[in-house]
Protein backbone atom coordinates (compact mmCIF):
# COMPACT_ATOMS: atom_id res chain seq x y z
CA MET A 1 46.75 217.07 233.68
CA VAL A 2 50.01 218.29 232.24
CA VAL A 3 51.03 219.64 235.59
CA MET A 4 50.45 216.29 237.34
CA GLU A 5 52.46 214.41 234.71
CA THR A 6 55.37 216.88 235.10
CA GLU A 7 55.38 216.52 238.92
CA ALA A 8 55.29 212.71 238.67
CA ARG A 9 58.27 212.75 236.20
CA GLU A 10 60.21 215.03 238.49
CA ARG A 11 59.68 212.69 241.40
CA ARG A 12 60.88 209.69 239.33
CA GLU A 13 63.93 211.58 238.11
CA ALA A 14 64.92 212.96 241.59
CA PRO A 15 67.88 211.09 243.17
CA LYS A 16 66.88 208.70 245.81
CA LYS A 17 68.13 209.44 249.31
CA ALA A 18 70.12 206.79 250.96
CA PRO A 19 69.03 205.41 254.41
CA PRO A 20 70.44 207.23 257.43
CA HIS A 21 72.59 204.29 258.57
CA LEU A 22 74.31 204.18 255.12
CA SER A 23 74.53 207.76 254.22
CA GLY A 24 76.11 209.00 257.45
CA ASP A 25 73.02 211.07 258.23
CA PRO A 26 72.97 212.26 261.91
CA ALA A 27 69.58 210.62 262.34
CA GLY A 28 71.28 207.22 262.54
CA PRO A 29 74.68 205.68 263.18
CA SER A 30 76.89 204.75 260.26
CA VAL A 31 78.42 201.37 259.73
CA THR A 32 81.86 202.52 260.87
CA GLU A 33 80.25 203.88 264.04
CA ARG A 34 78.47 200.65 264.83
CA GLU A 35 81.51 198.42 264.37
CA PRO A 36 83.34 199.79 267.47
CA ARG A 37 80.16 199.48 269.49
CA SER A 38 79.69 195.95 268.44
CA LEU A 39 83.30 195.11 269.24
CA LEU A 40 83.04 196.82 272.65
CA ARG A 41 79.86 194.95 273.48
CA GLY A 42 81.40 191.61 272.47
CA VAL A 43 84.42 192.21 274.64
CA MET A 44 82.34 193.20 277.71
CA LEU A 45 80.14 190.04 277.27
CA GLY A 46 83.22 187.94 276.91
CA VAL A 47 84.81 189.33 280.10
CA LEU A 48 81.53 188.85 281.98
CA ALA A 49 81.23 185.28 280.76
CA VAL A 50 84.80 184.51 281.87
CA VAL A 51 84.19 186.10 285.31
CA MET A 52 81.11 183.94 285.76
CA ILE A 53 82.27 180.62 284.20
CA VAL A 54 85.82 180.39 285.80
CA PRO A 55 84.62 179.94 289.43
CA VAL A 56 82.11 177.30 288.38
CA TYR A 57 84.81 175.56 286.23
CA LEU A 58 87.27 175.54 289.23
CA LEU A 59 84.45 174.16 291.52
CA VAL A 60 83.62 171.31 289.16
CA VAL A 61 87.13 170.14 288.16
CA ASN A 62 88.55 170.35 291.72
CA ALA A 63 85.77 168.28 293.22
CA PHE A 64 87.28 165.14 291.68
CA LYS A 65 90.93 165.78 292.52
CA SER A 66 93.29 164.92 295.27
CA GLN A 67 94.60 167.58 297.66
CA GLN A 68 98.02 167.57 295.89
CA GLN A 69 96.45 168.00 292.44
CA ILE A 70 94.27 170.82 293.60
CA LEU A 71 97.21 172.72 295.04
CA SER A 72 99.61 172.01 292.13
CA SER A 73 97.29 172.47 289.09
CA PRO A 74 93.88 173.88 290.11
CA PHE A 75 92.84 174.72 286.46
CA ALA A 76 93.98 171.40 284.93
CA LEU A 77 91.33 168.84 283.89
CA PRO A 78 91.53 165.59 285.96
CA PHE A 79 92.32 163.31 283.08
CA THR A 80 94.55 161.26 285.38
CA GLY A 81 93.79 160.48 289.02
CA LEU A 82 90.06 161.14 288.63
CA THR A 83 88.36 159.95 291.69
CA PHE A 84 84.80 159.93 293.07
CA GLU A 85 86.01 159.02 296.55
CA HIS A 86 85.81 162.57 297.88
CA MET A 87 82.38 163.16 296.42
CA ALA A 88 81.04 159.97 297.97
CA ALA A 89 82.62 161.01 301.34
CA ALA A 90 80.88 164.36 301.06
CA ILE A 91 77.55 162.74 300.55
CA ASP A 92 77.89 160.59 303.65
CA SER A 93 79.68 163.21 305.75
CA PRO A 94 78.01 163.74 309.10
CA GLU A 95 80.04 166.96 309.61
CA PHE A 96 78.73 168.79 306.55
CA ASN A 97 75.30 167.01 306.19
CA VAL A 98 74.68 168.77 302.94
CA ILE A 99 72.25 166.04 301.79
CA GLY A 100 70.42 166.29 305.01
CA GLY A 101 70.22 170.06 304.48
CA TYR A 102 68.54 169.45 301.16
CA GLY A 103 65.30 168.25 302.79
CA PHE A 104 65.07 171.14 305.28
CA THR A 105 65.95 173.77 302.76
CA LEU A 106 63.39 172.36 300.31
CA PHE A 107 60.73 172.39 303.01
CA LEU A 108 61.66 176.04 303.73
CA VAL A 109 61.45 177.03 300.08
CA VAL A 110 57.97 175.37 299.70
CA MET A 111 56.59 176.93 302.83
CA VAL A 112 57.85 180.45 301.95
CA ASP A 113 56.55 180.20 298.31
CA VAL A 114 53.10 179.10 299.41
CA PHE A 115 52.64 181.84 302.00
CA CYS A 116 54.16 184.41 299.68
CA ILE A 117 51.68 183.66 296.91
CA LEU A 118 48.74 183.54 299.37
CA LEU A 119 49.62 187.01 300.71
CA ALA A 120 51.16 188.79 297.72
CA GLY A 121 48.49 187.81 295.17
CA PRO A 122 45.43 189.38 296.87
CA ALA A 123 47.43 192.41 297.95
CA ALA A 124 48.71 192.98 294.41
CA TYR A 125 45.20 192.59 293.01
CA ALA A 126 43.77 195.17 295.38
CA ILE A 127 46.52 197.61 294.47
CA ALA A 128 46.33 197.09 290.74
CA ARG A 129 42.59 197.47 290.56
CA SER A 130 42.30 200.49 292.81
CA LEU A 131 42.33 204.03 291.42
CA LYS A 132 42.89 205.77 294.69
CA ARG A 133 46.12 207.58 295.32
CA ARG A 134 46.61 206.20 298.83
CA THR A 135 46.51 202.66 297.37
CA GLN A 136 49.50 203.62 295.16
CA LEU A 137 51.21 204.90 298.15
CA VAL A 138 50.75 201.47 299.75
CA LEU A 139 52.66 199.99 296.67
CA LEU A 140 55.43 202.52 297.32
CA TYR A 141 55.59 201.48 300.91
CA PHE A 142 56.05 197.90 299.86
CA LEU A 143 58.67 198.84 297.38
CA ALA A 144 60.57 200.68 300.07
CA GLY A 145 61.37 197.29 301.56
CA THR A 146 63.46 196.37 298.53
CA PHE A 147 65.98 199.22 299.35
CA ILE A 148 66.69 197.94 302.86
CA PRO A 149 69.54 195.41 302.98
CA GLY A 150 68.50 192.28 304.74
CA ALA A 151 71.62 192.27 306.92
CA ALA A 152 70.61 195.72 308.28
CA VAL A 153 67.29 194.50 309.76
CA ILE A 154 68.41 191.08 311.07
CA ILE A 155 69.16 192.37 314.52
CA PRO A 156 65.74 194.10 314.98
CA VAL A 157 64.09 191.01 313.64
CA ILE A 158 65.78 188.98 316.41
CA TYR A 159 64.34 191.28 319.13
CA VAL A 160 60.87 191.12 317.51
CA LEU A 161 60.83 187.34 317.20
CA ARG A 162 62.06 187.06 320.81
CA GLU A 163 59.21 189.24 322.02
CA ILE A 164 56.53 187.17 320.25
CA GLY A 165 58.10 183.86 321.24
CA LEU A 166 59.35 182.79 317.85
CA ALA A 167 63.11 183.22 318.38
CA ASN A 168 65.21 180.20 317.35
CA THR A 169 62.25 178.51 315.70
CA VAL A 170 61.52 177.37 312.24
CA THR A 171 58.27 179.30 312.26
CA GLY A 172 60.12 182.57 313.01
CA LEU A 173 62.54 181.93 310.09
CA ILE A 174 59.66 181.25 307.70
CA ALA A 175 57.85 184.39 308.85
CA HIS A 176 61.00 186.44 308.20
CA ASP A 177 61.60 184.96 304.76
CA VAL A 178 58.02 185.55 303.71
CA ALA A 179 58.16 189.14 304.77
CA SER A 180 61.38 189.59 302.78
CA THR A 181 60.00 188.15 299.65
CA LEU A 182 56.71 190.17 299.67
CA PRO A 183 57.93 193.50 298.29
CA VAL A 184 59.25 192.18 294.96
CA SER A 185 56.41 189.67 294.65
CA ILE A 186 53.75 192.34 295.07
CA PHE A 187 55.54 194.66 292.59
CA LEU A 188 55.70 191.94 289.89
CA PHE A 189 52.16 190.81 290.48
CA ALA A 190 50.61 194.30 290.42
CA GLY A 191 52.50 195.19 287.25
CA PHE A 192 51.19 192.02 285.62
CA ILE A 193 47.54 192.43 286.79
CA ARG A 194 47.44 195.87 285.30
CA THR A 195 47.82 194.30 281.89
CA ILE A 196 44.74 192.10 282.31
CA PRO A 197 41.63 194.01 281.10
CA ARG A 198 39.17 195.17 283.75
CA ASP A 199 36.40 193.89 281.52
CA ILE A 200 37.10 190.43 282.84
CA ASP A 201 36.38 191.68 286.38
CA HIS A 202 33.22 193.29 285.28
CA ALA A 203 31.94 190.21 283.55
CA ALA A 204 32.69 188.12 286.62
CA THR A 205 30.81 190.61 288.72
CA ILE A 206 27.79 190.39 286.43
CA ASP A 207 27.87 186.59 286.83
CA GLY A 208 27.70 187.00 290.59
CA ALA A 209 31.34 186.41 291.53
CA GLY A 210 32.81 188.41 294.42
CA ARG A 211 36.29 190.01 294.53
CA PHE A 212 37.79 186.97 296.28
CA ARG A 213 36.37 184.48 293.81
CA THR A 214 37.21 186.67 290.86
CA PHE A 215 40.82 186.79 291.74
CA TRP A 216 41.47 183.18 292.60
CA GLN A 217 39.30 181.58 289.87
CA ILE A 218 39.70 184.03 287.01
CA ILE A 219 42.61 186.44 287.41
CA PHE A 220 45.12 184.14 289.26
CA PRO A 221 45.11 181.48 286.37
CA LEU A 222 46.00 184.19 283.95
CA MET A 223 49.01 185.21 286.10
CA ARG A 224 50.87 182.03 285.49
CA PRO A 225 54.04 183.72 283.89
CA ALA A 226 54.29 186.16 286.81
CA VAL A 227 53.70 183.49 289.41
CA VAL A 228 56.31 181.11 287.91
CA THR A 229 58.87 183.99 287.83
CA VAL A 230 58.13 184.92 291.50
CA LEU A 231 58.46 181.26 292.54
CA ILE A 232 61.84 180.85 290.73
CA LEU A 233 63.31 184.04 292.10
CA ASN A 234 62.15 183.33 295.64
CA SER A 235 63.23 179.77 295.58
CA ILE A 236 66.82 180.60 294.43
CA GLY A 237 67.01 183.38 297.03
CA ILE A 238 65.87 181.19 299.90
CA TRP A 239 68.11 178.28 298.82
CA ASN A 240 71.19 180.50 298.70
CA ASP A 241 70.42 182.51 301.84
CA PHE A 242 72.88 182.13 304.59
CA ILE A 243 72.63 185.11 306.97
CA SER A 244 69.00 184.48 308.01
CA PRO A 245 69.14 180.74 308.92
CA GLN A 246 72.58 181.10 310.48
CA ILE A 247 71.45 183.87 312.86
CA LEU A 248 67.80 183.12 313.39
CA LEU A 249 68.45 179.35 313.94
CA SER A 250 71.20 178.60 316.38
CA PRO A 251 73.07 175.22 316.18
CA SER A 252 71.09 174.09 319.23
CA SER A 253 67.93 174.01 317.08
CA GLY A 254 69.28 171.04 315.19
CA HIS A 255 68.17 172.44 311.78
CA TYR A 256 70.66 173.16 309.05
CA THR A 257 70.02 174.54 305.54
CA VAL A 258 72.48 173.73 302.72
CA THR A 259 74.46 176.93 303.30
CA THR A 260 74.70 176.64 307.07
CA ALA A 261 75.63 172.95 306.80
CA ILE A 262 78.42 173.89 304.41
CA TYR A 263 79.64 176.67 306.80
CA ALA A 264 79.60 174.31 309.76
CA GLY A 265 81.80 171.91 307.86
CA VAL A 266 84.14 174.31 306.16
CA SER A 267 84.91 176.09 309.39
CA GLN A 268 86.39 172.87 310.79
CA TYR A 269 88.07 171.61 307.55
CA SER A 270 88.94 174.86 305.71
CA THR A 271 92.43 173.53 304.77
CA ASP A 272 91.20 170.17 303.46
CA LEU A 273 90.14 171.08 299.91
CA THR A 274 89.02 167.51 299.16
CA LYS A 275 86.12 168.19 301.61
CA VAL A 276 85.47 171.83 300.70
CA PHE A 277 85.10 171.52 296.86
CA PRO A 278 82.84 168.38 296.74
CA ASN A 279 80.48 169.77 299.37
CA LEU A 280 80.37 173.25 297.68
CA LEU A 281 79.51 171.46 294.41
CA LEU A 282 76.77 169.51 296.05
CA ALA A 283 75.35 172.81 297.41
CA VAL A 284 75.31 174.87 294.24
CA ALA A 285 74.56 172.10 291.60
CA PRO A 286 70.78 172.05 292.25
CA VAL A 287 70.56 175.85 291.92
CA ILE A 288 72.60 175.99 288.73
CA ILE A 289 70.64 173.13 287.10
CA PHE A 290 67.28 174.66 288.13
CA PHE A 291 68.27 178.17 286.89
CA ILE A 292 69.49 176.86 283.54
CA TYR A 293 66.24 174.90 282.97
CA MET A 294 63.91 177.68 284.20
CA GLN A 295 65.74 180.83 282.83
CA ARG A 296 63.39 181.27 279.87
CA HIS A 297 60.52 181.39 282.27
CA ILE A 298 62.27 184.09 284.34
CA ILE A 299 62.93 186.29 281.26
CA SER A 300 59.29 185.85 279.82
CA GLY A 301 57.81 186.50 283.28
CA LEU A 302 59.80 189.72 283.81
CA THR A 303 58.93 191.13 280.35
CA VAL A 304 55.35 190.02 279.91
CA GLY A 305 54.02 192.76 282.12
CA ALA A 306 56.42 195.44 281.05
CA VAL A 307 54.23 196.85 278.17
CA LYS A 308 50.53 197.41 278.63
CA GLY A 309 48.28 196.45 275.70
């Protein structure tokens, strides 16, 4: 008893050890070490913000200026001489036809998203629920498609579409875009499905549900965060795509996306900045608004399947 009281008194009288981040212990950084890191992080974030904000700022303020104001003071706010004449002309312009390109681009986005979900969902479910090594090799095969630049395969794609009779057609463009969105979509879906307990599949099997019904009626509704993320990323990518529609759809097809419509007009009026800036603003405004509104869904969808458990 006396020994226990002596040990307790020694522990109480022993000097308390300071936390590592305050005592300068090697196990953790000190306050003086963290301050330069925080300062460097703040500077880097500030530079990155400026690099990203300045082009958008120039695009917005110069869309409502005259040609002389744009050339003389491109960074100045249009407090005087503010005009919506050029923006109205851009909306009604038959050369650019950006508003007309909205409809076709939106149709393209919807079709690619629908076919991508229909194909990537079941494929990812089969990969995620299989324990065979060759199935994981299939996933690696799909991931290999993410390392191939789209511009590098566009010429072979033209020859393939020509052989199957889909060259210079909207169907061929949709098929190409669906194939290009499948690798990332399957990867995200498979990672998310692995976080869903297999007991749900077993319970559905006991109730008499097949694999197809189990996925679409039970697993797929649980994949909402991953599905929203895939839809957002694919939609922004298809909306901003220029190379595929420009090469796979010739001007004779009569179909223009937002980006190809802008290119067709800018190539003719590249020196008339009162036509360039308003049309560029019309092209990127929907994407910026859409991304700002949906960015929290993108972040949550990318991180929700990162940790299993």
